[in-house]
Amino acid sequence: MKIFVAGAHGNVGQKLVKILAKKGHTVKAMIRDNAQSDEIKNLGAEPVVADLEKDKDFPLEGIDVVYFCAGSGGKTGPDKTVAVDQKGAIKLVDSAYEHKVSKFIMVSSIGADDPNQGPEEMKTYLKAKHEADKELKFSGLAYTILRPGALTDDTGTGKIIAREKLEKEQKENGSISRDDVAQALAACLDVKHTENKVFELVNGNIPIDEALLNLPLTQH
């Protein structure tokens, strides 16, 4: 497949690009700074310089699947969060629709379903994710939206818990390694059952493919 990854230089993005390239996919990896090109090439992808904040359209000609792994980061102000996580994501969704992309896979966050219930310091971020998710769901594109728990740099186990809605305790106490998020993102290409689904995930004891296959056939 021909795949476009936004946020390719981020922690999850780099792991995903490497996995996809190893699987034999043609990967276009979006970066903001040309100085990152060599790193991207070393991962097996073609670097594409573009800016989610400034650009209105993106080079998606011939692309089959778009991944959105970008994020403004926890240390930026609310303006940057809205510009990247909400407006940038929505622009990429619109561009994917215009270019007739087959599928769009979005990295969201636990709590994006009801941002007002989240911690005060997270509300802007969760609202931005909520709006981007909503836009994707109603875009007309085939989609998958992953809402991981708190991200860690632990070594991946290849095992997760994935549910439409996790239990409250799992949401509050659960985390997931960036390795396993990247593996789950890649698995969504092959597990057709994830199409047009929104699900939450944390580390667990179920192999990733099996956990994705266990998602309900239809969503509420």
Protein backbone atom coordinates (compact mmCIF):
# COMPACT_ATOMS: atom_id res chain seq x y z
CA MET A 1 0.00 0.00 0.00
CA LYS A 2 0.95 3.64 -0.37
CA ILE A 3 0.74 5.24 3.06
CA PHE A 4 1.07 8.81 4.31
CA VAL A 5 2.04 9.39 7.95
CA ALA A 6 1.54 12.83 9.53
CA GLY A 7 3.63 13.34 12.64
CA ALA A 8 6.21 10.90 11.30
CA HIS A 9 9.06 12.36 13.33
CA GLY A 10 7.24 11.98 16.65
CA ASN A 11 7.89 9.11 19.04
CA VAL A 12 4.94 7.01 17.87
CA GLY A 13 5.28 8.17 14.27
CA GLN A 14 8.86 6.99 13.89
CA LYS A 15 8.01 3.57 15.31
CA LEU A 16 5.02 3.27 12.98
CA VAL A 17 6.98 4.34 9.89
CA LYS A 18 9.64 1.73 10.62
CA ILE A 19 7.05 -1.04 11.04
CA LEU A 20 5.18 -0.11 7.86
CA ALA A 21 8.37 0.11 5.79
CA LYS A 22 9.51 -3.30 7.06
CA LYS A 23 6.17 -4.75 6.00
CA GLY A 24 6.92 -3.58 2.46
CA HIS A 25 4.57 -0.61 2.24
CA THR A 26 5.56 2.57 0.40
CA VAL A 27 5.58 5.21 3.12
CA LYS A 28 5.54 8.98 2.71
CA ALA A 29 6.53 10.46 6.04
CA MET A 30 5.47 14.04 6.71
CA ILE A 31 7.94 16.24 8.57
CA ARG A 32 8.11 19.97 9.22
CA ASP A 33 11.88 20.35 9.00
CA ASN A 34 14.01 19.18 6.08
CA ALA A 35 16.82 18.55 8.58
CA GLN A 36 14.88 15.45 9.71
CA SER A 37 14.98 13.90 6.22
CA ASP A 38 17.95 11.60 6.78
CA GLU A 39 16.36 10.09 9.89
CA ILE A 40 13.20 9.38 7.93
CA LYS A 41 15.13 7.82 5.05
CA ASN A 42 16.95 5.59 7.52
CA LEU A 43 13.56 4.30 8.69
CA GLY A 44 12.78 3.27 5.12
CA ALA A 45 10.39 6.07 4.16
CA GLU A 46 10.28 9.01 1.79
CA PRO A 47 10.33 12.34 3.64
CA VAL A 48 7.69 14.93 2.72
CA VAL A 49 8.05 18.44 4.11
CA ALA A 50 4.68 19.97 4.99
CA ASP A 51 3.10 21.97 7.82
CA LEU A 52 -0.22 21.12 9.46
CA GLU A 53 -0.60 24.68 10.71
CA LYS A 54 0.16 26.56 7.49
CA ASP A 55 -0.74 24.24 4.62
CA LYS A 56 -4.29 23.81 3.36
CA ASP A 57 -3.76 20.77 1.17
CA PHE A 58 -1.32 17.87 1.36
CA PRO A 59 0.48 15.66 -1.21
CA LEU A 60 -1.87 12.68 -1.08
CA GLU A 61 -2.05 11.78 -4.77
CA GLY A 62 -2.16 7.99 -5.09
CA ILE A 63 -2.18 7.47 -1.31
CA ASP A 64 -4.27 4.54 0.00
CA VAL A 65 -4.14 5.19 3.75
CA VAL A 66 -3.42 8.27 5.87
CA TYR A 67 -2.27 8.10 9.48
CA PHE A 68 -2.51 11.09 11.81
CA CYS A 69 0.06 10.67 14.60
CA ALA A 70 0.89 14.34 15.04
CA GLY A 71 0.53 16.25 18.28
CA SER A 72 1.38 19.67 19.59
CA GLY A 73 2.98 18.18 22.72
CA GLY A 74 2.03 18.76 26.34
CA LYS A 75 4.19 21.83 26.83
CA THR A 76 2.65 24.02 24.14
CA GLY A 77 -0.09 26.56 24.76
CA PRO A 78 -3.77 26.13 23.86
CA ASP A 79 -3.41 28.02 20.56
CA LYS A 80 -0.82 25.54 19.30
CA THR A 81 -2.88 22.60 20.52
CA VAL A 82 -5.95 23.77 18.61
CA ALA A 83 -3.86 24.61 15.52
CA VAL A 84 -2.28 21.14 15.29
CA ASP A 85 -4.51 18.61 17.05
CA GLN A 86 -7.81 20.07 15.86
CA LYS A 87 -7.47 22.35 12.83
CA GLY A 88 -4.43 20.56 11.38
CA ALA A 89 -6.09 17.17 11.73
CA ILE A 90 -9.31 18.43 10.15
CA LYS A 91 -7.43 19.93 7.20
CA LEU A 92 -5.72 16.59 6.63
CA VAL A 93 -9.08 14.78 6.80
CA ASP A 94 -10.52 17.18 4.23
CA SER A 95 -7.48 16.73 1.99
CA ALA A 96 -7.76 12.94 2.27
CA TYR A 97 -11.40 13.12 1.20
CA GLU A 98 -10.56 15.35 -1.76
CA HIS A 99 -7.83 12.94 -2.86
CA LYS A 100 -10.14 9.91 -2.49
CA VAL A 101 -7.95 8.20 0.11
CA SER A 102 -9.34 4.77 1.04
CA LYS A 103 -8.88 4.99 4.82
CA PHE A 104 -7.85 7.42 7.55
CA ILE A 105 -6.41 6.17 10.86
CA MET A 106 -6.34 8.68 13.70
CA VAL A 107 -4.45 8.70 16.98
CA SER A 108 -6.75 10.33 19.52
CA SER A 109 -6.79 10.01 23.32
CA ILE A 110 -8.76 8.43 26.11
CA GLY A 111 -11.09 11.16 27.34
CA ALA A 112 -11.73 12.65 23.90
CA ASP A 113 -15.30 11.29 23.96
CA ASP A 114 -16.22 13.64 26.83
CA PRO A 115 -13.56 16.37 27.22
CA ASN A 116 -15.43 18.20 30.00
CA GLN A 117 -14.92 15.21 32.29
CA GLY A 118 -11.14 15.35 31.89
CA PRO A 119 -8.61 17.12 34.12
CA GLU A 120 -8.65 20.91 33.76
CA GLU A 121 -5.13 21.02 32.32
CA MET A 122 -6.14 18.49 29.63
CA LYS A 123 -9.43 20.01 28.52
CA THR A 124 -8.12 22.03 25.57
CA TYR A 125 -6.22 19.01 24.27
CA LEU A 126 -9.17 16.65 24.72
CA LYS A 127 -11.60 19.10 23.11
CA ALA A 128 -9.26 19.44 20.13
CA LYS A 129 -9.10 15.66 19.78
CA HIS A 130 -12.87 15.42 20.19
CA GLU A 131 -13.52 17.87 17.35
CA ALA A 132 -11.00 16.19 15.04
CA ASP A 133 -12.48 12.75 15.77
CA LYS A 134 -16.00 14.03 15.10
CA GLU A 135 -14.95 15.55 11.79
CA LEU A 136 -13.36 12.27 10.69
CA LYS A 137 -16.39 10.18 11.68
CA PHE A 138 -18.68 12.31 9.52
CA SER A 139 -16.21 12.88 6.67
CA GLY A 140 -17.38 10.05 4.44
CA LEU A 141 -13.98 8.37 4.73
CA ALA A 142 -13.47 4.87 6.07
CA TYR A 143 -11.84 5.49 9.44
CA THR A 144 -10.33 3.99 12.56
CA ILE A 145 -9.85 6.10 15.68
CA LEU A 146 -7.54 4.82 18.42
CA ARG A 147 -7.75 6.39 21.88
CA PRO A 148 -4.72 5.22 23.87
CA GLY A 149 -4.19 5.75 27.58
CA ALA A 150 -1.17 7.55 29.02
CA LEU A 151 1.84 6.88 26.78
CA THR A 152 5.04 5.39 28.17
CA ASP A 153 8.48 4.59 26.78
CA ASP A 154 8.37 1.04 28.15
CA THR A 155 9.30 -1.80 25.82
CA GLY A 156 6.24 -3.08 24.01
CA THR A 157 4.69 -6.39 25.05
CA GLY A 158 2.53 -6.89 21.96
CA LYS A 159 -0.46 -7.29 24.28
CA ILE A 160 -3.24 -4.81 25.00
CA ILE A 161 -6.82 -4.37 26.14
CA ALA A 162 -9.02 -2.73 23.49
CA ARG A 163 -12.63 -1.79 24.13
CA GLU A 164 -15.21 0.62 22.81
CA LYS A 165 -15.29 1.92 26.39
CA LEU A 166 -12.77 0.76 28.97
CA GLU A 167 -13.73 0.43 32.63
CA LYS A 168 -13.22 3.58 34.69
CA GLU A 169 -10.33 2.06 36.63
CA GLN A 170 -8.61 0.96 33.42
CA LYS A 171 -8.91 4.50 32.03
CA GLU A 172 -7.60 6.17 35.16
CA ASN A 173 -4.77 3.75 35.92
CA GLY A 174 -4.03 2.23 32.54
CA SER A 175 -1.14 3.23 30.32
CA ILE A 176 0.30 1.90 27.09
CA SER A 177 3.76 1.88 25.56
CA ARG A 178 4.41 3.84 22.40
CA ASP A 179 5.75 0.59 20.93
CA ASP A 180 2.36 -1.07 21.37
CA VAL A 181 0.44 1.93 20.04
CA ALA A 182 2.56 1.80 16.88
CA GLN A 183 2.00 -1.95 16.57
CA ALA A 184 -1.76 -1.49 17.00
CA LEU A 185 -1.79 1.27 14.38
CA ALA A 186 0.00 -0.97 11.91
CA ALA A 187 -2.32 -3.88 12.71
CA CYS A 188 -5.35 -1.76 11.81
CA LEU A 189 -4.26 -2.02 8.17
CA ASP A 190 -4.67 -5.78 8.17
CA VAL A 191 -7.53 -6.27 10.64
CA LYS A 192 -10.52 -5.20 8.55
CA HIS A 193 -12.68 -5.49 11.65
CA THR A 194 -11.30 -2.15 12.90
CA GLU A 195 -12.87 -0.17 10.04
CA ASN A 196 -15.30 2.57 11.12
CA LYS A 197 -14.53 1.91 14.77
CA VAL A 198 -13.49 4.09 17.69
CA PHE A 199 -11.81 2.29 20.56
CA GLU A 200 -9.78 2.85 23.70
CA LEU A 201 -6.65 0.85 24.44
CA VAL A 202 -4.18 0.27 27.25
CA ASN A 203 -1.56 -2.37 27.90
CA GLY A 204 -3.05 -5.72 28.80
CA ASN A 205 -2.76 -9.45 28.28
CA ILE A 206 -4.38 -10.02 24.88
CA PRO A 207 -2.28 -10.16 21.69
CA ILE A 208 -2.90 -7.03 19.61
CA ASP A 209 -4.52 -8.70 16.58
CA GLU A 210 -6.81 -10.77 18.83
CA ALA A 211 -7.78 -7.73 20.89
CA LEU A 212 -8.75 -5.86 17.71
CA LEU A 213 -10.75 -8.81 16.39
CA ASN A 214 -12.64 -8.90 19.70
CA LEU A 215 -14.04 -5.39 19.17
CA PRO A 216 -17.86 -5.38 18.71
CA LEU A 217 -19.17 -5.74 15.17
CA THR A 218 -21.16 -2.53 15.45
CA GLN A 219 -20.73 0.52 17.65
CA HIS A 220 -23.28 2.45 19.68
